[in-house]
């Protein structure tokens, strides 16, 4: 990872809490073609968090990997393929299920100028 600081002192880095590697097993041959995006195709991954839930989305793989952070350790709670290129994502609290929810905008393979909204809920969120 690289970091560009446009002004001295504008970026503060804290201690690393947990380090882990996302398992891409089963997704080696998956490589969705990114649509033409005004914001470009970077970053290759999107990381979202809410309370103690951390979600990593590998955009080209259409892969969602979710972890729960407890006592300085992360445990895998979900690993799902969404079968589409992930354009963008955001986390929010879902009162419907009582936990964290990730809402994603996915590319439509049939129509590159269209997309689809999907969500995935996680029941545990401290």
Foldseek 3Di string as FASTA:
>chain_A
DDDDDPDPPPDDDDDDLDDDDDDCPPQPPQFADAFDDPVDCPPQWDWEDDAQKIWIARQRSQWIWIWGDDPSDTDTDDIDHPPFGWPDKYWDQDPVLQFIKIWTWGADPVDRVDTDIDMDTDNDHD
